[in-house]
Amino acid sequence: MENRKKKAWIYTHIDAPEDSHGALKKQYEQLNTYGEQLHTEIAGSSSDTGGRPGLGRQGLNLFLEAKDSRGIEVLLLLDTSRISCDEKQCGEFLRQMAKSGIKVCSPLEGRLSAR
């Protein structure tokens, strides 16, 4: 039986307009370690800065565009606030990922699903 690693994407986000304290790098390192613990292969990553409301952020859109072409099976992010602070929007995003067969995982919250 083949023991293939699932392909994962790391998504990092901070509300600050710029990353002057290296927060995105710290998030990436934490998520990369978490991905190793989950036995995934990191197939890509993206990040966003700024508190732009909604899901129309460039880094998140990059993931959405790449998820099918790269065969992404797992999305790694720090917590649900990296998607959206709006519960309804976050729930819709998580439902969309579930329909696409993508597991959304967080080292702080475990496997994420719409409530």
PDB file of N, CA and C in Angstrom:
ATOM      1  N   MET A   1       0.838  -1.195   0.000  1.00  0.00           N
ATOM      2  CA  MET A   1       0.000   0.000   0.000  1.00  0.00           C
ATOM      3  C   MET A   1       0.878   1.253   0.000  1.00  0.00           C
ATOM      4  N   GLU A   2       0.546   2.192  -0.840  1.00  0.00           N
ATOM      5  CA  GLU A   2       1.328   3.416  -0.974  1.00  0.00           C
ATOM      6  C   GLU A   2       1.086   4.351   0.204  1.00  0.00           C
ATOM      7  N   ASN A   3       2.170   4.906   0.734  1.00  0.00           N
ATOM      8  CA  ASN A   3       2.071   5.832   1.855  1.00  0.00           C
ATOM      9  C   ASN A   3       2.361   7.243   1.348  1.00  0.00           C
ATOM     10  N   ARG A   4       1.498   7.751   0.492  1.00  0.00           N
ATOM     11  CA  ARG A   4       1.661   9.058  -0.130  1.00  0.00           C
ATOM     12  C   ARG A   4       1.269  10.172   0.839  1.00  0.00           C
ATOM     13  N   LYS A   5       2.096  11.209   0.866  1.00  0.00           N
ATOM     14  CA  LYS A   5       1.775  12.371   1.693  1.00  0.00           C
ATOM     15  C   LYS A   5       0.731  13.219   0.978  1.00  0.00           C
ATOM     16  N   LYS A   6      -0.206  13.764   1.759  1.00  0.00           N
ATOM     17  CA  LYS A   6      -1.196  14.674   1.183  1.00  0.00           C
ATOM     18  C   LYS A   6      -0.538  16.027   0.913  1.00  0.00           C
ATOM     19  N   LYS A   7      -0.977  16.670  -0.163  1.00  0.00           N
ATOM     20  CA  LYS A   7      -0.430  17.978  -0.513  1.00  0.00           C
ATOM     21  C   LYS A   7      -1.140  19.071   0.287  1.00  0.00           C
ATOM     22  N   ALA A   8      -0.328  19.934   0.878  1.00  0.00           N
ATOM     23  CA  ALA A   8      -0.874  20.997   1.727  1.00  0.00           C
ATOM     24  C   ALA A   8      -0.450  22.367   1.215  1.00  0.00           C
ATOM     25  N   TRP A   9      -1.264  23.347   1.547  1.00  0.00           N
ATOM     26  CA  TRP A   9      -0.996  24.759   1.246  1.00  0.00           C
ATOM     27  C   TRP A   9      -0.964  25.500   2.568  1.00  0.00           C
ATOM     28  N   ILE A  10       0.029  26.339   2.758  1.00  0.00           N
ATOM     29  CA  ILE A  10       0.127  27.170   3.963  1.00  0.00           C
ATOM     30  C   ILE A  10      -0.387  28.560   3.625  1.00  0.00           C
ATOM     31  N   TYR A  11      -1.353  29.030   4.432  1.00  0.00           N
ATOM     32  CA  TYR A  11      -1.869  30.391   4.253  1.00  0.00           C
ATOM     33  C   TYR A  11      -1.650  31.168   5.548  1.00  0.00           C
ATOM     34  N   THR A  12      -0.948  32.298   5.437  1.00  0.00           N
ATOM     35  CA  THR A  12      -0.701  33.162   6.594  1.00  0.00           C
ATOM     36  C   THR A  12      -1.342  34.521   6.358  1.00  0.00           C
ATOM     37  N   HIS A  13      -1.747  35.159   7.446  1.00  0.00           N
ATOM     38  CA  HIS A  13      -2.408  36.465   7.342  1.00  0.00           C
ATOM     39  C   HIS A  13      -2.234  37.231   8.640  1.00  0.00           C
ATOM     40  N   ILE A  14      -1.962  38.525   8.527  1.00  0.00           N
ATOM     41  CA  ILE A  14      -1.966  39.425   9.676  1.00  0.00           C
ATOM     42  C   ILE A  14      -2.797  40.654   9.312  1.00  0.00           C
ATOM     43  N   ASP A  15      -3.383  41.282  10.336  1.00  0.00           N
ATOM     44  CA  ASP A  15      -4.216  42.463  10.103  1.00  0.00           C
ATOM     45  C   ASP A  15      -3.397  43.729   9.858  1.00  0.00           C
ATOM     46  N   ALA A  16      -2.152  43.736  10.322  1.00  0.00           N
ATOM     47  CA  ALA A  16      -1.305  44.914  10.155  1.00  0.00           C
ATOM     48  C   ALA A  16      -1.021  45.155   8.677  1.00  0.00           C
ATOM     49  N   PRO A  17      -0.875  46.429   8.277  1.00  0.00           N
ATOM     50  CA  PRO A  17      -0.627  46.728   6.868  1.00  0.00           C
ATOM     51  C   PRO A  17       0.747  46.265   6.381  1.00  0.00           C
ATOM     52  N   GLU A  18       1.689  46.079   7.283  1.00  0.00           N
ATOM     53  CA  GLU A  18       3.001  45.547   6.904  1.00  0.00           C
ATOM     54  C   GLU A  18       3.521  44.654   8.015  1.00  0.00           C
ATOM     55  N   ASP A  19       4.421  43.778   7.665  1.00  0.00           N
ATOM     56  CA  ASP A  19       4.933  42.785   8.609  1.00  0.00           C
ATOM     57  C   ASP A  19       6.292  43.217   9.163  1.00  0.00           C
ATOM     58  N   SER A  20       6.279  44.222  10.021  1.00  0.00           N
ATOM     59  CA  SER A  20       7.536  44.765  10.538  1.00  0.00           C
ATOM     60  C   SER A  20       8.152  43.912  11.649  1.00  0.00           C
ATOM     61  N   HIS A  21       7.404  42.951  12.180  1.00  0.00           N
ATOM     62  CA  HIS A  21       7.921  42.125  13.275  1.00  0.00           C
ATOM     63  C   HIS A  21       8.118  40.657  12.887  1.00  0.00           C
ATOM     64  N   GLY A  22       7.994  40.351  11.617  1.00  0.00           N
ATOM     65  CA  GLY A  22       8.215  38.986  11.164  1.00  0.00           C
ATOM     66  C   GLY A  22       7.118  38.012  11.553  1.00  0.00           C
ATOM     67  N   ALA A  23       5.898  38.506  11.755  1.00  0.00           N
ATOM     68  CA  ALA A  23       4.786  37.647  12.187  1.00  0.00           C
ATOM     69  C   ALA A  23       4.419  36.617  11.121  1.00  0.00           C
ATOM     70  N   LEU A  24       4.465  37.005   9.851  1.00  0.00           N
ATOM     71  CA  LEU A  24       4.121  36.062   8.786  1.00  0.00           C
ATOM     72  C   LEU A  24       5.124  34.919   8.731  1.00  0.00           C
ATOM     73  N   LYS A  25       6.400  35.240   8.925  1.00  0.00           N
ATOM     74  CA  LYS A  25       7.444  34.203   8.927  1.00  0.00           C
ATOM     75  C   LYS A  25       7.229  33.246  10.093  1.00  0.00           C
ATOM     76  N   LYS A  26       6.889  33.785  11.259  1.00  0.00           N
ATOM     77  CA  LYS A  26       6.637  32.940  12.442  1.00  0.00           C
ATOM     78  C   LYS A  26       5.433  32.034  12.198  1.00  0.00           C
ATOM     79  N   GLN A  27       4.368  32.601  11.619  1.00  0.00           N
ATOM     80  CA  GLN A  27       3.194  31.786  11.283  1.00  0.00           C
ATOM     81  C   GLN A  27       3.576  30.680  10.312  1.00  0.00           C
ATOM     82  N   TYR A  28       4.333  31.039   9.291  1.00  0.00           N
ATOM     83  CA  TYR A  28       4.737  30.058   8.282  1.00  0.00           C
ATOM     84  C   TYR A  28       5.528  28.923   8.941  1.00  0.00           C
ATOM     85  N   GLU A  29       6.491  29.274   9.771  1.00  0.00           N
ATOM     86  CA  GLU A  29       7.314  28.255  10.426  1.00  0.00           C
ATOM     87  C   GLU A  29       6.455  27.345  11.308  1.00  0.00           C
ATOM     88  N   GLN A  30       5.521  27.931  12.052  1.00  0.00           N
ATOM     89  CA  GLN A  30       4.633  27.143  12.906  1.00  0.00           C
ATOM     90  C   GLN A  30       3.766  26.205  12.057  1.00  0.00           C
ATOM     91  N   LEU A  31       3.250  26.710  10.958  1.00  0.00           N
ATOM     92  CA  LEU A  31       2.387  25.897  10.099  1.00  0.00           C
ATOM     93  C   LEU A  31       3.190  24.839   9.339  1.00  0.00           C
ATOM     94  N   ASN A  32       4.416  25.158   8.975  1.00  0.00           N
ATOM     95  CA  ASN A  32       5.269  24.181   8.312  1.00  0.00           C
ATOM     96  C   ASN A  32       5.558  23.011   9.260  1.00  0.00           C
ATOM     97  N   THR A  33       5.859  23.321  10.510  1.00  0.00           N
ATOM     98  CA  THR A  33       6.094  22.283  11.520  1.00  0.00           C
ATOM     99  C   THR A  33       4.834  21.450  11.726  1.00  0.00           C
ATOM    100  N   TYR A  34       3.694  22.119  11.795  1.00  0.00           N
ATOM    101  CA  TYR A  34       2.413  21.430  11.947  1.00  0.00           C
ATOM    102  C   TYR A  34       2.153  20.514  10.744  1.00  0.00           C
ATOM    103  N   GLY A  35       2.456  21.005   9.553  1.00  0.00           N
ATOM    104  CA  GLY A  35       2.303  20.201   8.344  1.00  0.00           C
ATOM    105  C   GLY A  35       3.163  18.948   8.388  1.00  0.00           C
ATOM    106  N   GLU A  36       4.379  19.078   8.921  1.00  0.00           N
ATOM    107  CA  GLU A  36       5.260  17.914   9.078  1.00  0.00           C
ATOM    108  C   GLU A  36       4.642  16.905  10.043  1.00  0.00           C
ATOM    109  N   GLN A  37       4.059  17.404  11.126  1.00  0.00           N
ATOM    110  CA  GLN A  37       3.412  16.526  12.110  1.00  0.00           C
ATOM    111  C   GLN A  37       2.232  15.778  11.494  1.00  0.00           C
ATOM    112  N   LEU A  38       1.559  16.428  10.551  1.00  0.00           N
ATOM    113  CA  LEU A  38       0.424  15.800   9.866  1.00  0.00           C
ATOM    114  C   LEU A  38       0.874  14.933   8.689  1.00  0.00           C
ATOM    115  N   HIS A  39       2.186  14.868   8.459  1.00  0.00           N
ATOM    116  CA  HIS A  39       2.765  14.087   7.360  1.00  0.00           C
ATOM    117  C   HIS A  39       2.253  14.559   6.000  1.00  0.00           C
ATOM    118  N   THR A  40       2.267  15.895   5.810  1.00  0.00           N
ATOM    119  CA  THR A  40       1.865  16.463   4.530  1.00  0.00           C
ATOM    120  C   THR A  40       3.096  16.939   3.775  1.00  0.00           C
ATOM    121  N   GLU A  41       2.908  17.134   2.485  1.00  0.00           N
ATOM    122  CA  GLU A  41       3.933  17.720   1.627  1.00  0.00           C
ATOM    123  C   GLU A  41       3.472  19.136   1.305  1.00  0.00           C
ATOM    124  N   ILE A  42       4.281  20.132   1.649  1.00  0.00           N
ATOM    125  CA  ILE A  42       3.904  21.514   1.385  1.00  0.00           C
ATOM    126  C   ILE A  42       4.060  21.778  -0.122  1.00  0.00           C
ATOM    127  N   ALA A  43       2.937  22.051  -0.780  1.00  0.00           N
ATOM    128  CA  ALA A  43       2.921  22.235  -2.228  1.00  0.00           C
ATOM    129  C   ALA A  43       2.850  23.708  -2.614  1.00  0.00           C
ATOM    130  N   GLY A  44       2.688  24.590  -1.634  1.00  0.00           N
ATOM    131  CA  GLY A  44       2.624  26.012  -1.921  1.00  0.00           C
ATOM    132  C   GLY A  44       2.236  26.803  -0.692  1.00  0.00           C
ATOM    133  N   SER A  45       2.353  28.114  -0.812  1.00  0.00           N
ATOM    134  CA  SER A  45       1.969  28.985   0.299  1.00  0.00           C
ATOM    135  C   SER A  45       1.638  30.367  -0.240  1.00  0.00           C
ATOM    136  N   SER A  46       0.900  31.110   0.558  1.00  0.00           N
ATOM    137  CA  SER A  46       0.594  32.500   0.231  1.00  0.00           C
ATOM    138  C   SER A  46       0.296  33.234   1.527  1.00  0.00           C
ATOM    139  N   SER A  47       0.344  34.550   1.457  1.00  0.00           N
ATOM    140  CA  SER A  47       0.096  35.342   2.658  1.00  0.00           C
ATOM    141  C   SER A  47      -0.559  36.662   2.289  1.00  0.00           C
ATOM    142  N   ASP A  48      -1.171  37.266   3.287  1.00  0.00           N
ATOM    143  CA  ASP A  48      -1.797  38.570   3.131  1.00  0.00           C
ATOM    144  C   ASP A  48      -1.502  39.417   4.354  1.00  0.00           C
ATOM    145  N   THR A  49      -1.473  40.721   4.137  1.00  0.00           N
ATOM    146  CA  THR A  49      -1.373  41.684   5.235  1.00  0.00           C
ATOM    147  C   THR A  49      -2.544  42.646   5.106  1.00  0.00           C
ATOM    148  N   GLY A  50      -2.879  43.275   6.212  1.00  0.00           N
ATOM    149  CA  GLY A  50      -3.963  44.251   6.211  1.00  0.00           C
ATOM    150  C   GLY A  50      -5.287  43.637   6.593  1.00  0.00           C
ATOM    151  N   GLY A  51      -6.119  44.432   7.197  1.00  0.00           N
ATOM    152  CA  GLY A  51      -7.404  43.966   7.696  1.00  0.00           C
ATOM    153  C   GLY A  51      -8.522  44.044   6.687  1.00  0.00           C
ATOM    154  N   ARG A  52      -8.205  43.852   5.418  1.00  0.00           N
ATOM    155  CA  ARG A  52      -9.220  43.931   4.361  1.00  0.00           C
ATOM    156  C   ARG A  52     -10.364  42.961   4.661  1.00  0.00           C
ATOM    157  N   PRO A  53     -11.582  43.476   4.742  1.00  0.00           N
ATOM    158  CA  PRO A  53     -12.715  42.604   5.051  1.00  0.00           C
ATOM    159  C   PRO A  53     -13.053  41.678   3.887  1.00  0.00           C
ATOM    160  N   GLY A  54     -13.684  40.589   4.199  1.00  0.00           N
ATOM    161  CA  GLY A  54     -14.114  39.664   3.153  1.00  0.00           C
ATOM    162  C   GLY A  54     -13.015  38.716   2.732  1.00  0.00           C
ATOM    163  N   LEU A  55     -13.335  37.956   1.728  1.00  0.00           N
ATOM    164  CA  LEU A  55     -12.418  36.922   1.271  1.00  0.00           C
ATOM    165  C   LEU A  55     -11.635  37.326   0.034  1.00  0.00           C
ATOM    166  N   GLY A  56     -11.762  38.562  -0.407  1.00  0.00           N
ATOM    167  CA  GLY A  56     -11.117  39.006  -1.637  1.00  0.00           C
ATOM    168  C   GLY A  56      -9.672  39.425  -1.462  1.00  0.00           C
ATOM    169  N   ARG A  57      -8.906  38.674  -0.710  1.00  0.00           N
ATOM    170  CA  ARG A  57      -7.502  39.010  -0.501  1.00  0.00           C
ATOM    171  C   ARG A  57      -6.647  38.247  -1.513  1.00  0.00           C
ATOM    172  N   GLN A  58      -5.582  38.871  -1.957  1.00  0.00           N
ATOM    173  CA  GLN A  58      -4.737  38.328  -3.013  1.00  0.00           C
ATOM    174  C   GLN A  58      -4.160  36.950  -2.650  1.00  0.00           C
ATOM    175  N   GLY A  59      -3.619  36.797  -1.455  1.00  0.00           N
ATOM    176  CA  GLY A  59      -3.017  35.522  -1.060  1.00  0.00           C
ATOM    177  C   GLY A  59      -4.035  34.403  -0.957  1.00  0.00           C
ATOM    178  N   LEU A  60      -5.209  34.713  -0.455  1.00  0.00           N
ATOM    179  CA  LEU A  60      -6.275  33.709  -0.357  1.00  0.00           C
ATOM    180  C   LEU A  60      -6.757  33.328  -1.761  1.00  0.00           C
ATOM    181  N   ASN A  61      -6.858  34.309  -2.630  1.00  0.00           N
ATOM    182  CA  ASN A  61      -7.244  34.032  -4.020  1.00  0.00           C
ATOM    183  C   ASN A  61      -6.195  33.192  -4.740  1.00  0.00           C
ATOM    184  N   LEU A  62      -4.923  33.410  -4.428  1.00  0.00           N
ATOM    185  CA  LEU A  62      -3.860  32.607  -5.020  1.00  0.00           C
ATOM    186  C   LEU A  62      -4.045  31.134  -4.642  1.00  0.00           C
ATOM    187  N   PHE A  63      -4.382  30.880  -3.370  1.00  0.00           N
ATOM    188  CA  PHE A  63      -4.668  29.509  -2.939  1.00  0.00           C
ATOM    189  C   PHE A  63      -5.860  28.947  -3.709  1.00  0.00           C
ATOM    190  N   LEU A  64      -6.944  29.715  -3.810  1.00  0.00           N
ATOM    191  CA  LEU A  64      -8.149  29.239  -4.489  1.00  0.00           C
ATOM    192  C   LEU A  64      -7.879  28.909  -5.951  1.00  0.00           C
ATOM    193  N   GLU A  65      -7.022  29.685  -6.588  1.00  0.00           N
ATOM    194  CA  GLU A  65      -6.672  29.432  -7.984  1.00  0.00           C
ATOM    195  C   GLU A  65      -5.780  28.193  -8.121  1.00  0.00           C
ATOM    196  N   ALA A  66      -4.921  27.945  -7.131  1.00  0.00           N
ATOM    197  CA  ALA A  66      -3.938  26.859  -7.220  1.00  0.00           C
ATOM    198  C   ALA A  66      -4.445  25.530  -6.672  1.00  0.00           C
ATOM    199  N   LYS A  67      -5.512  25.545  -5.895  1.00  0.00           N
ATOM    200  CA  LYS A  67      -5.926  24.322  -5.182  1.00  0.00           C
ATOM    201  C   LYS A  67      -6.221  23.155  -6.112  1.00  0.00           C
ATOM    202  N   ASP A  68      -6.851  23.406  -7.227  1.00  0.00           N
ATOM    203  CA  ASP A  68      -7.176  22.312  -8.147  1.00  0.00           C
ATOM    204  C   ASP A  68      -5.976  21.916  -9.003  1.00  0.00           C
ATOM    205  N   SER A  69      -5.285  22.906  -9.543  1.00  0.00           N
ATOM    206  CA  SER A  69      -4.165  22.599 -10.434  1.00  0.00           C
ATOM    207  C   SER A  69      -3.006  21.922  -9.705  1.00  0.00           C
ATOM    208  N   ARG A  70      -2.869  22.186  -8.424  1.00  0.00           N
ATOM    209  CA  ARG A  70      -1.774  21.577  -7.659  1.00  0.00           C
ATOM    210  C   ARG A  70      -2.230  20.382  -6.824  1.00  0.00           C
ATOM    211  N   GLY A  71      -3.505  20.056  -6.885  1.00  0.00           N
ATOM    212  CA  GLY A  71      -4.006  18.898  -6.151  1.00  0.00           C
ATOM    213  C   GLY A  71      -3.942  19.063  -4.640  1.00  0.00           C
ATOM    214  N   ILE A  72      -4.236  20.259  -4.154  1.00  0.00           N
ATOM    215  CA  ILE A  72      -4.167  20.530  -2.717  1.00  0.00           C
ATOM    216  C   ILE A  72      -5.277  19.773  -1.988  1.00  0.00           C
ATOM    217  N   GLU A  73      -4.901  19.111  -0.904  1.00  0.00           N
ATOM    218  CA  GLU A  73      -5.850  18.331  -0.109  1.00  0.00           C
ATOM    219  C   GLU A  73      -6.026  18.884   1.300  1.00  0.00           C
ATOM    220  N   VAL A  74      -5.064  19.712   1.737  1.00  0.00           N
ATOM    221  CA  VAL A  74      -5.089  20.254   3.095  1.00  0.00           C
ATOM    222  C   VAL A  74      -4.700  21.729   3.041  1.00  0.00           C
ATOM    223  N   LEU A  75      -5.475  22.577   3.733  1.00  0.00           N
ATOM    224  CA  LEU A  75      -5.134  23.986   3.901  1.00  0.00           C
ATOM    225  C   LEU A  75      -4.729  24.179   5.356  1.00  0.00           C
ATOM    226  N   LEU A  76      -3.523  24.680   5.562  1.00  0.00           N
ATOM    227  CA  LEU A  76      -3.021  24.929   6.909  1.00  0.00           C
ATOM    228  C   LEU A  76      -3.076  26.426   7.195  1.00  0.00           C
ATOM    229  N   LEU A  77      -3.720  26.787   8.290  1.00  0.00           N
ATOM    230  CA  LEU A  77      -3.751  28.176   8.728  1.00  0.00           C
ATOM    231  C   LEU A  77      -3.777  28.215  10.245  1.00  0.00           C
ATOM    232  N   LEU A  78      -3.378  29.361  10.818  1.00  0.00           N
ATOM    233  CA  LEU A  78      -3.221  29.461  12.264  1.00  0.00           C
ATOM    234  C   LEU A  78      -4.543  29.297  13.002  1.00  0.00           C
ATOM    235  N   ASP A  79      -5.590  29.966  12.540  1.00  0.00           N
ATOM    236  CA  ASP A  79      -6.913  29.864  13.152  1.00  0.00           C
ATOM    237  C   ASP A  79      -7.955  30.432  12.185  1.00  0.00           C
ATOM    238  N   THR A  80      -9.224  30.322  12.552  1.00  0.00           N
ATOM    239  CA  THR A  80     -10.299  30.754  11.647  1.00  0.00           C
ATOM    240  C   THR A  80     -10.259  32.256  11.347  1.00  0.00           C
ATOM    241  N   SER A  81      -9.688  33.055  12.246  1.00  0.00           N
ATOM    242  CA  SER A  81      -9.642  34.500  11.998  1.00  0.00           C
ATOM    243  C   SER A  81      -8.773  34.833  10.784  1.00  0.00           C
ATOM    244  N   ARG A  82      -7.910  33.904  10.354  1.00  0.00           N
ATOM    245  CA  ARG A  82      -7.083  34.141   9.167  1.00  0.00           C
ATOM    246  C   ARG A  82      -7.936  34.094   7.908  1.00  0.00           C
ATOM    247  N   ILE A  83      -9.068  33.414   7.970  1.00  0.00           N
ATOM    248  CA  ILE A  83     -10.001  33.385   6.844  1.00  0.00           C
ATOM    249  C   ILE A  83     -10.860  34.636   6.906  1.00  0.00           C
ATOM    250  N   SER A  84     -11.592  34.784   8.020  1.00  0.00           N
ATOM    251  CA  SER A  84     -12.463  35.939   8.206  1.00  0.00           C
ATOM    252  C   SER A  84     -12.912  35.991   9.656  1.00  0.00           C
ATOM    253  N   CYS A  85     -13.101  37.187  10.168  1.00  0.00           N
ATOM    254  CA  CYS A  85     -13.645  37.345  11.521  1.00  0.00           C
ATOM    255  C   CYS A  85     -15.171  37.250  11.497  1.00  0.00           C
ATOM    256  N   ASP A  86     -15.744  37.292  10.310  1.00  0.00           N
ATOM    257  CA  ASP A  86     -17.183  37.162  10.141  1.00  0.00           C
ATOM    258  C   ASP A  86     -17.529  35.672  10.129  1.00  0.00           C
ATOM    259  N   GLU A  87     -18.285  35.216  11.139  1.00  0.00           N
ATOM    260  CA  GLU A  87     -18.599  33.784  11.278  1.00  0.00           C
ATOM    261  C   GLU A  87     -19.312  33.219  10.056  1.00  0.00           C
ATOM    262  N   LYS A  88     -20.226  33.983   9.504  1.00  0.00           N
ATOM    263  CA  LYS A  88     -20.989  33.505   8.347  1.00  0.00           C
ATOM    264  C   LYS A  88     -20.064  33.304   7.141  1.00  0.00           C
ATOM    265  N   GLN A  89     -19.212  34.295   6.894  1.00  0.00           N
ATOM    266  CA  GLN A  89     -18.269  34.212   5.781  1.00  0.00           C
ATOM    267  C   GLN A  89     -17.295  33.044   5.975  1.00  0.00           C
ATOM    268  N   CYS A  90     -16.802  32.916   7.193  1.00  0.00           N
ATOM    269  CA  CYS A  90     -15.871  31.840   7.509  1.00  0.00           C
ATOM    270  C   CYS A  90     -16.547  30.477   7.310  1.00  0.00           C
ATOM    271  N   GLY A  91     -17.779  30.344   7.781  1.00  0.00           N
ATOM    272  CA  GLY A  91     -18.530  29.098   7.623  1.00  0.00           C
ATOM    273  C   GLY A  91     -18.739  28.743   6.170  1.00  0.00           C
ATOM    274  N   GLU A  92     -19.053  29.740   5.350  1.00  0.00           N
ATOM    275  CA  GLU A  92     -19.254  29.506   3.916  1.00  0.00           C
ATOM    276  C   GLU A  92     -17.959  29.043   3.260  1.00  0.00           C
ATOM    277  N   PHE A  93     -16.851  29.677   3.627  1.00  0.00           N
ATOM    278  CA  PHE A  93     -15.554  29.268   3.094  1.00  0.00           C
ATOM    279  C   PHE A  93     -15.245  27.819   3.481  1.00  0.00           C
ATOM    280  N   LEU A  94     -15.480  27.474   4.742  1.00  0.00           N
ATOM    281  CA  LEU A  94     -15.208  26.106   5.204  1.00  0.00           C
ATOM    282  C   LEU A  94     -16.109  25.088   4.514  1.00  0.00           C
ATOM    283  N   ARG A  95     -17.362  25.444   4.261  1.00  0.00           N
ATOM    284  CA  ARG A  95     -18.262  24.556   3.514  1.00  0.00           C
ATOM    285  C   ARG A  95     -17.756  24.371   2.080  1.00  0.00           C
ATOM    286  N   GLN A  96     -17.294  25.456   1.467  1.00  0.00           N
ATOM    287  CA  GLN A  96     -16.749  25.392   0.110  1.00  0.00           C
ATOM    288  C   GLN A  96     -15.535  24.460   0.074  1.00  0.00           C
ATOM    289  N   MET A  97     -14.675  24.539   1.082  1.00  0.00           N
ATOM    290  CA  MET A  97     -13.498  23.677   1.125  1.00  0.00           C
ATOM    291  C   MET A  97     -13.909  22.210   1.306  1.00  0.00           C
ATOM    292  N   ALA A  98     -14.894  21.968   2.164  1.00  0.00           N
ATOM    293  CA  ALA A  98     -15.373  20.595   2.388  1.00  0.00           C
ATOM    294  C   ALA A  98     -15.925  20.009   1.081  1.00  0.00           C
ATOM    295  N   LYS A  99     -16.683  20.816   0.334  1.00  0.00           N
ATOM    296  CA  LYS A  99     -17.226  20.359  -0.954  1.00  0.00           C
ATOM    297  C   LYS A  99     -16.114  20.050  -1.944  1.00  0.00           C
ATOM    298  N   SER A 100     -15.009  20.771  -1.841  1.00  0.00           N
ATOM    299  CA  SER A 100     -13.860  20.560  -2.729  1.00  0.00           C
ATOM    300  C   SER A 100     -12.972  19.416  -2.244  1.00  0.00           C
ATOM    301  N   GLY A 101     -13.299  18.844  -1.088  1.00  0.00           N
ATOM    302  CA  GLY A 101     -12.499  17.745  -0.547  1.00  0.00           C
ATOM    303  C   GLY A 101     -11.221  18.197   0.141  1.00  0.00           C
ATOM    304  N   ILE A 102     -11.175  19.461   0.549  1.00  0.00           N
ATOM    305  CA  ILE A 102      -9.986  20.008   1.198  1.00  0.00           C
ATOM    306  C   ILE A 102     -10.219  20.105   2.702  1.00  0.00           C
ATOM    307  N   LYS A 103      -9.319  19.495   3.468  1.00  0.00           N
ATOM    308  CA  LYS A 103      -9.365  19.597   4.926  1.00  0.00           C
ATOM    309  C   LYS A 103      -8.674  20.892   5.327  1.00  0.00           C
ATOM    310  N   VAL A 104      -9.299  21.643   6.227  1.00  0.00           N
ATOM    311  CA  VAL A 104      -8.710  22.878   6.734  1.00  0.00           C
ATOM    312  C   VAL A 104      -8.268  22.589   8.167  1.00  0.00           C
ATOM    313  N   CYS A 105      -6.969  22.761   8.418  1.00  0.00           N
ATOM    314  CA  CYS A 105      -6.405  22.379   9.714  1.00  0.00           C
ATOM    315  C   CYS A 105      -5.632  23.524  10.345  1.00  0.00           C
ATOM    316  N   SER A 106      -5.718  23.599  11.673  1.00  0.00           N
ATOM    317  CA  SER A 106      -5.069  24.643  12.450  1.00  0.00           C
ATOM    318  C   SER A 106      -4.357  24.013  13.646  1.00  0.00           C
ATOM    319  N   PRO A 107      -3.120  24.427  13.916  1.00  0.00           N
ATOM    320  CA  PRO A 107      -2.439  23.900  15.102  1.00  0.00           C
ATOM    321  C   PRO A 107      -3.102  24.369  16.405  1.00  0.00           C
ATOM    322  N   LEU A 108      -3.875  25.443  16.327  1.00  0.00           N
ATOM    323  CA  LEU A 108      -4.530  25.990  17.519  1.00  0.00           C
ATOM    324  C   LEU A 108      -5.950  25.449  17.698  1.00  0.00           C
ATOM    325  N   GLU A 109      -6.627  25.099  16.593  1.00  0.00           N
ATOM    326  CA  GLU A 109      -8.035  24.710  16.655  1.00  0.00           C
ATOM    327  C   GLU A 109      -8.310  23.316  16.097  1.00  0.00           C
ATOM    328  N   GLY A 110      -7.296  22.623  15.596  1.00  0.00           N
ATOM    329  CA  GLY A 110      -7.504  21.295  15.017  1.00  0.00           C
ATOM    330  C   GLY A 110      -8.131  21.369  13.640  1.00  0.00           C
ATOM    331  N   ARG A 111      -8.889  20.358  13.287  1.00  0.00           N
ATOM    332  CA  ARG A 111      -9.548  20.355  11.975  1.00  0.00           C
ATOM    333  C   ARG A 111     -10.763  21.288  12.037  1.00  0.00           C
ATOM    334  N   LEU A 112     -10.844  22.186  11.083  1.00  0.00           N
ATOM    335  CA  LEU A 112     -11.897  23.199  11.072  1.00  0.00           C
ATOM    336  C   LEU A 112     -13.028  22.767  10.163  1.00  0.00           C
ATOM    337  N   SER A 113     -14.238  22.992  10.625  1.00  0.00           N
ATOM    338  CA  SER A 113     -15.419  22.726   9.784  1.00  0.00           C
ATOM    339  C   SER A 113     -16.473  23.767  10.108  1.00  0.00           C
ATOM    340  N   ALA A 114     -17.400  23.945   9.179  1.00  0.00           N
ATOM    341  CA  ALA A 114     -18.474  24.920   9.375  1.00  0.00           C
ATOM    342  C   ALA A 114     -19.372  24.452  10.506  1.00  0.00           C
ATOM    343  N   ARG A 115     -19.766  25.389  11.332  1.00  0.00           N
ATOM    344  CA  ARG A 115     -20.614  25.064  12.493  1.00  0.00           C
ATOM    345  C   ARG A 115     -22.059  25.095  12.095  1.00  0.00           C
TER     346      ARG A 115
END
